[in-house]
Amino acid sequence: MKKLTTTILATALVGVISLSSFASTATANENRRGPGARGGAGPIHFVCSDEAAGRIETGLSRMADRLELTDAQTASFDSFKTATLSAQAEFSETCVDFKPAERGQANSDTDLVDRLNNRQAMMSAQLSAMEDVMPEFEAFFDSLTDAQKSKCAPNVA
């Protein structure tokens, strides 16, 4: 009976240590990327996801609500939003060429060099999408007041 108790306690201790290391890793990742799981460089994240355009649109709508845009700023914002959604649509077309059929399933026909070439192509597509969006974003951002610009800055804890 004593051996069973010792085994159960050891298992519980390993479980607690595992959970605490997971929490530490999650906290480190959050700190590395900034506050919140979606911290980072700003409201635009071009990703290979069927929901990406919807997420971008939702994020931009929230940003517009938070900034309380004037009519003139709304026109500039709409141009920025249109450019962003168009760039995401083009980026999604690139994703089809490289994305595995199912999540977590590697393409067995590709070796490491092919995968790195695919990753480079994806990064180039992301860069191209950002280059398409930046002129519209800069025009919109320049139309904001200093108070509005401060609301765009990431929260620094």
N, C-alpha and C. Protein backbone atom coordinates (compact mmCIF):
# COMPACT_ATOMS: atom_id res chain seq x y z
N MET A 1 0.82 -1.19 0.00
CA MET A 1 0.00 0.00 0.00
C MET A 1 0.87 1.26 0.00
N LYS A 2 2.00 1.21 0.74
CA LYS A 2 2.88 2.36 0.81
C LYS A 2 3.46 2.70 -0.57
N LYS A 3 3.76 1.67 -1.39
CA LYS A 3 4.31 1.90 -2.72
C LYS A 3 3.28 2.58 -3.62
N LEU A 4 2.00 2.20 -3.50
CA LEU A 4 0.94 2.82 -4.29
C LEU A 4 0.79 4.30 -3.93
N THR A 5 0.83 4.62 -2.65
CA THR A 5 0.73 6.00 -2.19
C THR A 5 1.90 6.83 -2.73
N THR A 6 3.08 6.27 -2.65
CA THR A 6 4.26 6.97 -3.15
C THR A 6 4.15 7.22 -4.65
N THR A 7 3.66 6.25 -5.41
CA THR A 7 3.49 6.39 -6.86
C THR A 7 2.47 7.47 -7.18
N ILE A 8 1.37 7.49 -6.46
CA ILE A 8 0.33 8.50 -6.69
C ILE A 8 0.86 9.89 -6.38
N LEU A 9 1.57 10.04 -5.28
CA LEU A 9 2.13 11.34 -4.93
C LEU A 9 3.17 11.79 -5.97
N ALA A 10 3.99 10.87 -6.43
CA ALA A 10 5.00 11.22 -7.43
C ALA A 10 4.32 11.65 -8.73
N THR A 11 3.27 10.96 -9.12
CA THR A 11 2.54 11.31 -10.33
C THR A 11 1.90 12.69 -10.19
N ALA A 12 1.31 12.96 -9.03
CA ALA A 12 0.70 14.27 -8.80
C ALA A 12 1.75 15.37 -8.85
N LEU A 13 2.92 15.12 -8.27
CA LEU A 13 4.00 16.11 -8.27
C LEU A 13 4.47 16.39 -9.69
N VAL A 14 4.63 15.36 -10.50
CA VAL A 14 5.03 15.55 -11.90
C VAL A 14 3.98 16.36 -12.64
N GLY A 15 2.71 16.09 -12.38
CA GLY A 15 1.62 16.84 -13.01
C GLY A 15 1.66 18.31 -12.66
N VAL A 16 1.88 18.61 -11.38
CA VAL A 16 1.94 20.01 -10.94
C VAL A 16 3.14 20.72 -11.58
N ILE A 17 4.27 20.05 -11.62
CA ILE A 17 5.47 20.65 -12.23
C ILE A 17 5.23 20.89 -13.72
N SER A 18 4.59 19.94 -14.39
CA SER A 18 4.30 20.10 -15.82
C SER A 18 3.38 21.28 -16.07
N LEU A 19 2.34 21.42 -15.25
CA LEU A 19 1.41 22.54 -15.42
C LEU A 19 2.10 23.87 -15.16
N SER A 20 2.95 23.92 -14.16
CA SER A 20 3.63 25.19 -13.86
C SER A 20 4.60 25.57 -14.98
N SER A 21 5.24 24.59 -15.60
CA SER A 21 6.14 24.92 -16.70
C SER A 21 5.36 25.37 -17.92
N PHE A 22 4.17 24.80 -18.14
CA PHE A 22 3.32 25.25 -19.24
C PHE A 22 2.90 26.69 -19.01
N ALA A 23 2.50 27.03 -17.80
CA ALA A 23 2.09 28.41 -17.50
C ALA A 23 3.26 29.37 -17.69
N SER A 24 4.46 28.97 -17.30
CA SER A 24 5.64 29.82 -17.48
C SER A 24 5.92 30.06 -18.96
N THR A 25 5.78 29.01 -19.77
CA THR A 25 6.00 29.14 -21.21
C THR A 25 4.96 30.05 -21.83
N ALA A 26 3.71 29.89 -21.44
CA ALA A 26 2.65 30.73 -21.99
C ALA A 26 2.89 32.20 -21.63
N THR A 27 3.32 32.46 -20.40
CA THR A 27 3.60 33.82 -19.97
C THR A 27 4.79 34.38 -20.74
N ALA A 28 5.81 33.58 -20.95
CA ALA A 28 6.98 34.04 -21.70
C ALA A 28 6.59 34.39 -23.13
N ASN A 29 5.75 33.56 -23.75
CA ASN A 29 5.31 33.85 -25.11
C ASN A 29 4.50 35.13 -25.16
N GLU A 30 3.65 35.36 -24.16
CA GLU A 30 2.86 36.58 -24.14
C GLU A 30 3.76 37.80 -23.99
N ASN A 31 4.76 37.70 -23.12
CA ASN A 31 5.67 38.82 -22.92
C ASN A 31 6.49 39.09 -24.17
N ARG A 32 6.85 38.05 -24.89
CA ARG A 32 7.66 38.22 -26.10
C ARG A 32 6.86 38.94 -27.18
N ARG A 33 5.58 38.63 -27.29
CA ARG A 33 4.76 39.20 -28.35
C ARG A 33 4.03 40.46 -27.93
N GLY A 34 4.13 40.83 -26.69
CA GLY A 34 3.39 41.99 -26.22
C GLY A 34 2.15 41.54 -25.49
N PRO A 35 1.41 42.48 -24.94
CA PRO A 35 0.26 42.12 -24.15
C PRO A 35 -0.82 41.46 -25.00
N GLY A 36 -1.39 40.40 -24.47
CA GLY A 36 -2.47 39.72 -25.17
C GLY A 36 -1.93 38.77 -26.23
N ALA A 37 -2.71 37.77 -26.54
CA ALA A 37 -2.29 36.76 -27.51
C ALA A 37 -2.18 37.35 -28.90
N ARG A 38 -2.87 38.45 -29.16
CA ARG A 38 -2.83 39.04 -30.48
C ARG A 38 -2.08 40.37 -30.47
N GLY A 39 -1.14 40.50 -29.56
CA GLY A 39 -0.33 41.71 -29.52
C GLY A 39 0.46 41.81 -30.81
N GLY A 40 1.53 42.47 -30.82
CA GLY A 40 2.34 42.49 -32.02
C GLY A 40 2.36 43.83 -32.69
N ALA A 41 2.54 43.81 -33.99
CA ALA A 41 2.82 45.02 -34.74
C ALA A 41 1.61 45.87 -35.04
N GLY A 42 0.44 45.34 -34.96
CA GLY A 42 -0.72 46.16 -35.27
C GLY A 42 -1.93 45.35 -35.69
N PRO A 43 -2.87 46.01 -36.35
CA PRO A 43 -4.15 45.37 -36.64
C PRO A 43 -4.14 44.45 -37.86
N ILE A 44 -3.04 44.35 -38.56
CA ILE A 44 -3.01 43.59 -39.80
C ILE A 44 -2.10 42.37 -39.65
N HIS A 45 -2.69 41.21 -39.78
CA HIS A 45 -1.93 39.96 -39.73
C HIS A 45 -2.39 39.09 -40.89
N PHE A 46 -1.60 39.00 -41.94
CA PHE A 46 -1.97 38.18 -43.09
C PHE A 46 -1.62 36.74 -42.77
N VAL A 47 -2.64 35.90 -42.68
CA VAL A 47 -2.44 34.50 -42.33
C VAL A 47 -3.24 33.60 -43.25
N CYS A 48 -2.83 32.35 -43.32
CA CYS A 48 -3.53 31.35 -44.12
C CYS A 48 -4.64 30.75 -43.26
N SER A 49 -5.78 31.35 -43.30
CA SER A 49 -6.92 30.87 -42.54
C SER A 49 -8.19 31.26 -43.28
N ASP A 50 -9.17 30.38 -43.24
CA ASP A 50 -10.44 30.70 -43.88
C ASP A 50 -11.13 31.86 -43.18
N GLU A 51 -10.83 32.06 -41.92
CA GLU A 51 -11.45 33.13 -41.13
C GLU A 51 -10.64 34.42 -41.09
N ALA A 52 -9.51 34.46 -41.77
CA ALA A 52 -8.59 35.60 -41.66
C ALA A 52 -9.25 36.92 -42.05
N ALA A 53 -9.95 36.94 -43.17
CA ALA A 53 -10.57 38.19 -43.62
C ALA A 53 -11.61 38.67 -42.61
N GLY A 54 -12.38 37.75 -42.07
CA GLY A 54 -13.37 38.13 -41.06
C GLY A 54 -12.73 38.67 -39.80
N ARG A 55 -11.63 38.05 -39.39
CA ARG A 55 -10.92 38.52 -38.19
C ARG A 55 -10.32 39.90 -38.42
N ILE A 56 -9.75 40.10 -39.60
CA ILE A 56 -9.19 41.42 -39.91
C ILE A 56 -10.30 42.46 -39.90
N GLU A 57 -11.41 42.15 -40.55
CA GLU A 57 -12.53 43.09 -40.63
C GLU A 57 -13.07 43.42 -39.23
N THR A 58 -13.19 42.41 -38.39
CA THR A 58 -13.66 42.64 -37.01
C THR A 58 -12.67 43.52 -36.25
N GLY A 59 -11.39 43.22 -36.38
CA GLY A 59 -10.37 44.02 -35.69
C GLY A 59 -10.36 45.47 -36.16
N LEU A 60 -10.51 45.66 -37.45
CA LEU A 60 -10.52 47.03 -37.98
C LEU A 60 -11.78 47.78 -37.54
N SER A 61 -12.90 47.09 -37.49
CA SER A 61 -14.14 47.73 -37.03
C SER A 61 -14.02 48.15 -35.57
N ARG A 62 -13.43 47.29 -34.76
CA ARG A 62 -13.22 47.65 -33.35
C ARG A 62 -12.29 48.85 -33.23
N MET A 63 -11.25 48.86 -34.07
CA MET A 63 -10.32 49.98 -34.05
C MET A 63 -11.05 51.27 -34.42
N ALA A 64 -11.88 51.23 -35.45
CA ALA A 64 -12.62 52.42 -35.88
C ALA A 64 -13.55 52.90 -34.76
N ASP A 65 -14.21 51.98 -34.09
CA ASP A 65 -15.09 52.37 -32.98
C ASP A 65 -14.30 53.02 -31.85
N ARG A 66 -13.15 52.44 -31.52
CA ARG A 66 -12.32 52.95 -30.43
C ARG A 66 -11.78 54.35 -30.74
N LEU A 67 -11.50 54.61 -32.03
CA LEU A 67 -10.90 55.89 -32.42
C LEU A 67 -11.93 57.00 -32.61
N GLU A 68 -13.21 56.65 -32.72
CA GLU A 68 -14.27 57.66 -32.92
C GLU A 68 -13.90 58.57 -34.08
N LEU A 69 -13.90 58.00 -35.28
CA LEU A 69 -13.43 58.69 -36.48
C LEU A 69 -14.39 59.79 -36.94
N THR A 70 -13.82 60.84 -37.50
CA THR A 70 -14.62 61.89 -38.14
C THR A 70 -15.03 61.40 -39.53
N ASP A 71 -15.88 62.15 -40.21
CA ASP A 71 -16.32 61.76 -41.56
C ASP A 71 -15.14 61.69 -42.52
N ALA A 72 -14.24 62.66 -42.46
CA ALA A 72 -13.07 62.66 -43.34
C ALA A 72 -12.16 61.47 -43.03
N GLN A 73 -11.98 61.17 -41.75
CA GLN A 73 -11.15 60.03 -41.37
C GLN A 73 -11.81 58.72 -41.77
N THR A 74 -13.13 58.67 -41.73
CA THR A 74 -13.85 57.44 -42.10
C THR A 74 -13.60 57.10 -43.56
N ALA A 75 -13.57 58.10 -44.43
CA ALA A 75 -13.29 57.85 -45.85
C ALA A 75 -11.89 57.27 -46.03
N SER A 76 -10.92 57.83 -45.32
CA SER A 76 -9.56 57.32 -45.40
C SER A 76 -9.46 55.92 -44.80
N PHE A 77 -10.18 55.70 -43.70
CA PHE A 77 -10.21 54.39 -43.06
C PHE A 77 -10.81 53.35 -44.00
N ASP A 78 -11.88 53.70 -44.68
CA ASP A 78 -12.53 52.77 -45.61
C ASP A 78 -11.59 52.36 -46.74
N SER A 79 -10.78 53.29 -47.23
CA SER A 79 -9.79 52.97 -48.26
C SER A 79 -8.75 52.00 -47.71
N PHE A 80 -8.31 52.25 -46.49
CA PHE A 80 -7.35 51.37 -45.83
C PHE A 80 -7.94 49.99 -45.62
N LYS A 81 -9.18 49.92 -45.16
CA LYS A 81 -9.85 48.65 -44.91
C LYS A 81 -10.02 47.86 -46.21
N THR A 82 -10.42 48.53 -47.28
CA THR A 82 -10.59 47.88 -48.57
C THR A 82 -9.27 47.32 -49.07
N ALA A 83 -8.20 48.10 -48.96
CA ALA A 83 -6.88 47.64 -49.39
C ALA A 83 -6.44 46.43 -48.57
N THR A 84 -6.71 46.46 -47.28
CA THR A 84 -6.30 45.37 -46.39
C THR A 84 -7.05 44.08 -46.74
N LEU A 85 -8.35 44.17 -46.91
CA LEU A 85 -9.13 42.98 -47.24
C LEU A 85 -8.78 42.44 -48.63
N SER A 86 -8.48 43.33 -49.55
CA SER A 86 -8.05 42.90 -50.88
C SER A 86 -6.70 42.18 -50.81
N ALA A 87 -5.79 42.72 -50.02
CA ALA A 87 -4.47 42.10 -49.85
C ALA A 87 -4.61 40.73 -49.18
N GLN A 88 -5.51 40.61 -48.21
CA GLN A 88 -5.73 39.32 -47.55
C GLN A 88 -6.29 38.30 -48.55
N ALA A 89 -7.19 38.74 -49.42
CA ALA A 89 -7.76 37.83 -50.44
C ALA A 89 -6.66 37.32 -51.38
N GLU A 90 -5.78 38.21 -51.81
CA GLU A 90 -4.67 37.80 -52.67
C GLU A 90 -3.72 36.88 -51.92
N PHE A 91 -3.47 37.19 -50.66
CA PHE A 91 -2.59 36.36 -49.85
C PHE A 91 -3.19 34.96 -49.68
N SER A 92 -4.49 34.88 -49.49
CA SER A 92 -5.17 33.59 -49.32
C SER A 92 -4.99 32.71 -50.56
N GLU A 93 -4.96 33.32 -51.73
CA GLU A 93 -4.74 32.56 -52.95
C GLU A 93 -3.35 31.92 -52.95
N THR A 94 -2.37 32.62 -52.41
CA THR A 94 -1.01 32.08 -52.29
C THR A 94 -0.99 30.90 -51.32
N CYS A 95 -1.77 31.01 -50.26
CA CYS A 95 -1.81 29.96 -49.24
C CYS A 95 -2.21 28.61 -49.82
N VAL A 96 -3.10 28.62 -50.78
CA VAL A 96 -3.61 27.37 -51.36
C VAL A 96 -2.48 26.54 -51.95
N ASP A 97 -1.48 27.19 -52.50
CA ASP A 97 -0.36 26.48 -53.13
C ASP A 97 0.53 25.75 -52.14
N PHE A 98 0.54 26.18 -50.89
CA PHE A 98 1.51 25.66 -49.94
C PHE A 98 0.91 24.98 -48.72
N LYS A 99 -0.34 25.23 -48.44
CA LYS A 99 -0.97 24.72 -47.24
C LYS A 99 -1.28 23.23 -47.38
N PRO A 100 -0.92 22.41 -46.37
CA PRO A 100 -1.27 20.99 -46.42
C PRO A 100 -2.78 20.81 -46.45
N ALA A 101 -3.23 19.67 -46.95
CA ALA A 101 -4.67 19.41 -47.08
C ALA A 101 -5.38 19.50 -45.73
N GLU A 102 -4.76 18.98 -44.68
CA GLU A 102 -5.36 19.03 -43.36
C GLU A 102 -4.35 19.57 -42.36
N ARG A 103 -4.86 20.26 -41.36
CA ARG A 103 -4.00 20.84 -40.32
C ARG A 103 -3.19 19.73 -39.64
N GLY A 104 -1.91 19.99 -39.46
CA GLY A 104 -1.04 19.04 -38.77
C GLY A 104 -0.54 17.91 -39.68
N GLN A 105 -0.93 17.92 -40.93
CA GLN A 105 -0.54 16.87 -41.86
C GLN A 105 0.51 17.42 -42.82
N ALA A 106 1.72 16.94 -42.72
CA ALA A 106 2.79 17.42 -43.59
C ALA A 106 2.63 16.83 -44.98
N ASN A 107 3.07 17.57 -45.96
CA ASN A 107 3.04 17.09 -47.33
C ASN A 107 4.21 16.13 -47.51
N SER A 108 3.92 14.86 -47.76
CA SER A 108 4.97 13.84 -47.82
C SER A 108 5.84 13.98 -49.07
N ASP A 109 5.41 14.76 -50.04
CA ASP A 109 6.18 14.92 -51.27
C ASP A 109 7.26 16.00 -51.16
N THR A 110 7.31 16.71 -50.04
CA THR A 110 8.27 17.80 -49.93
C THR A 110 9.38 17.44 -48.96
N ASP A 111 10.58 17.86 -49.30
CA ASP A 111 11.70 17.68 -48.37
C ASP A 111 11.95 19.01 -47.67
N LEU A 112 12.98 19.07 -46.89
CA LEU A 112 13.27 20.27 -46.11
C LEU A 112 13.52 21.49 -47.00
N VAL A 113 14.23 21.31 -48.10
CA VAL A 113 14.49 22.42 -49.01
C VAL A 113 13.19 22.95 -49.60
N ASP A 114 12.31 22.04 -50.02
CA ASP A 114 11.01 22.47 -50.56
C ASP A 114 10.20 23.22 -49.51
N ARG A 115 10.20 22.73 -48.29
CA ARG A 115 9.45 23.41 -47.23
C ARG A 115 10.01 24.79 -46.95
N LEU A 116 11.33 24.92 -46.96
CA LEU A 116 11.92 26.24 -46.74
C LEU A 116 11.64 27.18 -47.91
N ASN A 117 11.65 26.66 -49.13
CA ASN A 117 11.28 27.47 -50.29
C ASN A 117 9.83 27.91 -50.20
N ASN A 118 8.96 27.02 -49.75
CA ASN A 118 7.54 27.37 -49.56
C ASN A 118 7.40 28.46 -48.50
N ARG A 119 8.15 28.33 -47.42
CA ARG A 119 8.10 29.34 -46.36
C ARG A 119 8.58 30.69 -46.88
N GLN A 120 9.63 30.67 -47.68
CA GLN A 120 10.13 31.92 -48.27
C GLN A 120 9.08 32.54 -49.18
N ALA A 121 8.38 31.72 -49.95
CA ALA A 121 7.32 32.23 -50.83
C ALA A 121 6.19 32.84 -50.00
N MET A 122 5.86 32.22 -48.88
CA MET A 122 4.81 32.75 -48.01
C MET A 122 5.25 34.10 -47.41
N MET A 123 6.49 34.18 -46.99
CA MET A 123 6.99 35.43 -46.43
C MET A 123 7.00 36.53 -47.49
N SER A 124 7.35 36.17 -48.72
CA SER A 124 7.33 37.14 -49.81
C SER A 124 5.91 37.62 -50.08
N ALA A 125 4.94 36.70 -49.99
CA ALA A 125 3.54 37.07 -50.19
C ALA A 125 3.06 37.99 -49.07
N GLN A 126 3.50 37.73 -47.84
CA GLN A 126 3.14 38.62 -46.73
C GLN A 126 3.74 40.00 -46.94
N LEU A 127 4.99 40.05 -47.37
CA LEU A 127 5.64 41.33 -47.62
C LEU A 127 4.92 42.09 -48.74
N SER A 128 4.56 41.39 -49.79
CA SER A 128 3.85 42.02 -50.90
C SER A 128 2.50 42.58 -50.43
N ALA A 129 1.80 41.83 -49.60
CA ALA A 129 0.51 42.30 -49.07
C ALA A 129 0.70 43.55 -48.22
N MET A 130 1.74 43.57 -47.40
CA MET A 130 1.99 44.76 -46.57
C MET A 130 2.36 45.96 -47.44
N GLU A 131 3.13 45.71 -48.49
CA GLU A 131 3.50 46.81 -49.39
C GLU A 131 2.27 47.40 -50.07
N ASP A 132 1.27 46.55 -50.36
CA ASP A 132 0.03 47.04 -50.97
C ASP A 132 -0.79 47.87 -49.99
N VAL A 133 -0.72 47.55 -48.72
CA VAL A 133 -1.57 48.19 -47.71
C VAL A 133 -0.94 49.45 -47.13
N MET A 134 0.36 49.49 -47.02
CA MET A 134 1.03 50.58 -46.31
C MET A 134 0.70 51.98 -46.80
N PRO A 135 0.61 52.26 -48.09
CA PRO A 135 0.26 53.64 -48.50
C PRO A 135 -1.11 54.07 -47.96
N GLU A 136 -2.08 53.17 -48.01
CA GLU A 136 -3.41 53.50 -47.49
C GLU A 136 -3.39 53.64 -45.98
N PHE A 137 -2.62 52.78 -45.30
CA PHE A 137 -2.52 52.89 -43.85
C PHE A 137 -1.85 54.19 -43.45
N GLU A 138 -0.76 54.56 -44.13
CA GLU A 138 -0.06 55.80 -43.80
C GLU A 138 -0.96 57.01 -44.00
N ALA A 139 -1.74 57.01 -45.07
CA ALA A 139 -2.67 58.13 -45.30
C ALA A 139 -3.71 58.19 -44.19
N PHE A 140 -4.24 57.04 -43.80
CA PHE A 140 -5.21 57.01 -42.71
C PHE A 140 -4.57 57.46 -41.40
N PHE A 141 -3.41 56.92 -41.08
CA PHE A 141 -2.74 57.23 -39.81
C PHE A 141 -2.39 58.71 -39.73
N ASP A 142 -1.98 59.29 -40.85
CA ASP A 142 -1.63 60.72 -40.87
C ASP A 142 -2.86 61.61 -40.64
N SER A 143 -4.05 61.08 -40.91
CA SER A 143 -5.28 61.86 -40.70
C SER A 143 -5.72 61.88 -39.24
N LEU A 144 -5.12 61.05 -38.41
CA LEU A 144 -5.53 60.95 -37.00
C LEU A 144 -4.92 62.06 -36.16
N THR A 145 -5.63 62.40 -35.09
CA THR A 145 -5.09 63.34 -34.11
C THR A 145 -4.08 62.61 -33.24
N ASP A 146 -3.31 63.35 -32.47
CA ASP A 146 -2.35 62.72 -31.57
C ASP A 146 -3.05 61.84 -30.54
N ALA A 147 -4.20 62.27 -30.07
CA ALA A 147 -4.96 61.47 -29.09
C ALA A 147 -5.40 60.15 -29.71
N GLN A 148 -5.85 60.20 -30.95
CA GLN A 148 -6.26 58.98 -31.64
C GLN A 148 -5.06 58.07 -31.90
N LYS A 149 -3.94 58.66 -32.27
CA LYS A 149 -2.73 57.87 -32.52
C LYS A 149 -2.30 57.14 -31.26
N SER A 150 -2.43 57.80 -30.12
CA SER A 150 -2.04 57.15 -28.87
C SER A 150 -2.92 55.94 -28.56
N LYS A 151 -4.18 55.96 -29.05
CA LYS A 151 -5.08 54.82 -28.85
C LYS A 151 -4.69 53.65 -29.76
N CYS A 152 -3.89 53.92 -30.79
CA CYS A 152 -3.43 52.86 -31.69
C CYS A 152 -2.20 52.16 -31.16
N ALA A 153 -1.48 52.78 -30.26
CA ALA A 153 -0.24 52.21 -29.74
C ALA A 153 -0.56 50.98 -28.90
N PRO A 154 0.29 49.96 -28.95
CA PRO A 154 0.07 48.78 -28.11
C PRO A 154 0.15 49.18 -26.64
N ASN A 155 -0.63 48.50 -25.83
CA ASN A 155 -0.60 48.74 -24.37
C ASN A 155 0.71 48.20 -23.82
N VAL A 156 1.44 49.04 -23.17
CA VAL A 156 2.70 48.64 -22.57
C VAL A 156 2.49 48.56 -21.08
N ALA A 157 2.76 47.37 -20.53
CA ALA A 157 2.55 47.17 -19.09
C ALA A 157 3.79 47.48 -18.32
